[in-house]
C-alpha atoms as a PDB file:
ATOM      1  CA  PRO A   1       0.031  -0.058  -0.014  1.00  0.00           C
ATOM      2  CA  ARG A   2       0.959   3.627  -0.387  1.00  0.00           C
ATOM      3  CA  LEU A   3      -1.244   4.803   2.474  1.00  0.00           C
ATOM      4  CA  LEU A   4      -1.506   3.372   5.947  1.00  0.00           C
ATOM      5  CA  VAL A   5      -4.787   4.682   7.788  1.00  0.00           C
ATOM      6  CA  ILE A   6      -4.840   4.047  11.441  1.00  0.00           C
ATOM      7  CA  ASP A   7      -7.315   5.176  13.975  1.00  0.00           C
ATOM      8  CA  GLU A   8      -6.351   5.767  17.778  1.00  0.00           C
ATOM      9  CA  VAL A   9      -3.645   3.117  17.549  1.00  0.00           C
ATOM     10  CA  CYS A  10      -2.074   4.335  20.912  1.00  0.00           C
ATOM     11  CA  ASP A  11      -5.472   4.694  22.777  1.00  0.00           C
ATOM     12  CA  GLY A  12      -5.222   3.105  26.283  1.00  0.00           C
ATOM     13  CA  LEU A  13      -1.715   1.895  25.805  1.00  0.00           C
ATOM     14  CA  HIS A  14       0.994   2.085  28.583  1.00  0.00           C
ATOM     15  CA  PRO A  15       3.535   4.944  27.516  1.00  0.00           C
ATOM     16  CA  PRO A  16       6.441   2.529  26.783  1.00  0.00           C
ATOM     17  CA  VAL A  17       4.176   0.608  24.484  1.00  0.00           C
ATOM     18  CA  VAL A  18       3.147   3.794  22.780  1.00  0.00           C
ATOM     19  CA  ALA A  19       6.805   4.611  22.286  1.00  0.00           C
ATOM     20  CA  THR A  20       7.338   1.190  20.644  1.00  0.00           C
ATOM     21  CA  VAL A  21       4.241   1.691  18.392  1.00  0.00           C
ATOM     22  CA  VAL A  22       5.507   5.084  17.251  1.00  0.00           C
ATOM     23  CA  GLU A  23       8.979   3.673  16.416  1.00  0.00           C
ATOM     24  CA  VAL A  24       7.494   0.759  14.453  1.00  0.00           C
ATOM     25  CA  LEU A  25       5.431   3.213  12.545  1.00  0.00           C
ATOM     26  CA  ARG A  26       8.269   5.628  11.760  1.00  0.00           C
ATOM     27  CA  GLU A  27      10.445   2.616  10.664  1.00  0.00           C
ATOM     28  CA  TYR A  28       7.620   1.064   8.546  1.00  0.00           C
ATOM     29  CA  ARG A  29       6.960   4.463   6.912  1.00  0.00           C
ATOM     30  CA  ASP A  30      10.504   5.122   6.109  1.00  0.00           C
ATOM     31  CA  ARG A  31      11.431   1.703   4.951  1.00  0.00           C
ATOM     32  CA  HIS A  32       8.424   1.351   2.631  1.00  0.00           C
ATOM     33  CA  GLY A  33       8.004   5.046   1.574  1.00  0.00           C
ATOM     34  CA  ILE A  34       4.322   5.181   2.485  1.00  0.00           C
ATOM     35  CA  SER A  35       2.201   7.911   3.803  1.00  0.00           C
ATOM     36  CA  VAL A  36       0.489   7.477   7.149  1.00  0.00           C
ATOM     37  CA  LEU A  37      -2.929   9.064   7.953  1.00  0.00           C
ATOM     38  CA  MET A  38      -3.100   8.892  11.726  1.00  0.00           C
ATOM     39  CA  VAL A  39      -6.105   9.743  13.730  1.00  0.00           C
ATOM     40  CA  GLU A  40      -4.800  10.067  17.333  1.00  0.00           C
ATOM     41  CA  PRO A  41      -5.507  12.055  20.415  1.00  0.00           C
ATOM     42  CA  ASN A  42      -2.048  11.384  21.904  1.00  0.00           C
ATOM     43  CA  LEU A  43      -0.274  14.554  20.759  1.00  0.00           C
ATOM     44  CA  ARG A  44       3.311  13.326  21.578  1.00  0.00           C
ATOM     45  CA  ALA A  45       2.762  10.210  19.544  1.00  0.00           C
ATOM     46  CA  VAL A  46       1.298  12.384  16.598  1.00  0.00           C
ATOM     47  CA  LEU A  47       4.338  14.730  16.642  1.00  0.00           C
ATOM     48  CA  ASP A  48       6.792  11.927  16.759  1.00  0.00           C
ATOM     49  CA  VAL A  49       5.287  10.448  13.525  1.00  0.00           C
ATOM     50  CA  ALA A  50       3.848  13.273  11.483  1.00  0.00           C
ATOM     51  CA  ASP A  51       5.290  15.497   8.859  1.00  0.00           C
ATOM     52  CA  ARG A  52       2.077  17.620   9.143  1.00  0.00           C
ATOM     53  CA  VAL A  53      -0.609  17.908  11.705  1.00  0.00           C
ATOM     54  CA  LEU A  54      -4.228  19.043  11.288  1.00  0.00           C
ATOM     55  CA  VAL A  55      -6.820  19.500  14.046  1.00  0.00           C
ATOM     56  CA  MET A  56     -10.388  18.838  13.194  1.00  0.00           C
ATOM     57  CA  LYS A  57     -13.450  19.978  15.131  1.00  0.00           C
ATOM     58  CA  ALA A  58     -16.963  19.591  14.093  1.00  0.00           C
ATOM     59  CA  GLY A  59     -15.961  18.445  10.647  1.00  0.00           C
ATOM     60  CA  ARG A  60     -13.654  21.358   9.850  1.00  0.00           C
ATOM     61  CA  PHE A  61      -9.902  21.719   9.975  1.00  0.00           C
ATOM     62  CA  VAL A  62      -9.173  24.496  12.489  1.00  0.00           C
ATOM     63  CA  LEU A  63      -5.318  24.199  12.563  1.00  0.00           C
ATOM     64  CA  GLU A  64      -2.505  22.941  10.505  1.00  0.00           C
ATOM     65  CA  ARG A  65       1.130  22.869  11.559  1.00  0.00           C
ATOM     66  CA  ALA A  66       4.390  21.119  10.720  1.00  0.00           C
ATOM     67  CA  PRO A  67       5.703  19.519  13.923  1.00  0.00           C
ATOM     68  CA  SER A  68       9.043  21.194  13.104  1.00  0.00           C
ATOM     69  CA  ALA A  69       7.451  24.682  13.404  1.00  0.00           C
ATOM     70  CA  SER A  70       8.532  26.462  16.445  1.00  0.00           C
ATOM     71  CA  ASP A  71       4.964  27.161  17.491  1.00  0.00           C
ATOM     72  CA  ALA A  72       3.651  23.718  16.629  1.00  0.00           C
ATOM     73  CA  ARG A  73       3.381  22.184  20.206  1.00  0.00           C
ATOM     74  CA  PRO A  74       1.910  25.366  21.830  1.00  0.00           C
ATOM     75  CA  ALA A  75      -0.572  26.021  19.104  1.00  0.00           C
ATOM     76  CA  LEU A  76      -1.744  22.441  19.018  1.00  0.00           C
ATOM     77  CA  GLU A  77      -2.003  22.141  22.742  1.00  0.00           C
ATOM     78  CA  ARG A  78      -3.924  25.478  22.913  1.00  0.00           C
ATOM     79  CA  GLU A  79      -6.349  24.283  20.231  1.00  0.00           C
ATOM     80  CA  LEU A  80      -6.862  20.875  21.715  1.00  0.00           C
ATOM     81  CA  VAL A  81      -7.172  22.018  25.294  1.00  0.00           C
ATOM     82  CA  PHE A  82      -8.794  25.440  25.401  1.00  0.00           C
ATOM     83  CA  THR A  83     -11.408  25.336  22.491  1.00  0.00           C
END
């Protein structure tokens, strides 16, 4: 496949297991050159895998950031926590 779609793969997992899942996803993505569409509330896991993060609320994208952007984490946390 050229696209892997995963939904809340880290939900309810112990943090060390989340770290392993993230590492496996990164390795698989890089080894096979695929895109990953990840629906995930765990911001840390998303930032460790993503090239681009979009926040969707009520069916609309309300924020887009590259994880490497200097304001990515604060902007995402603010959008996810305070609205």
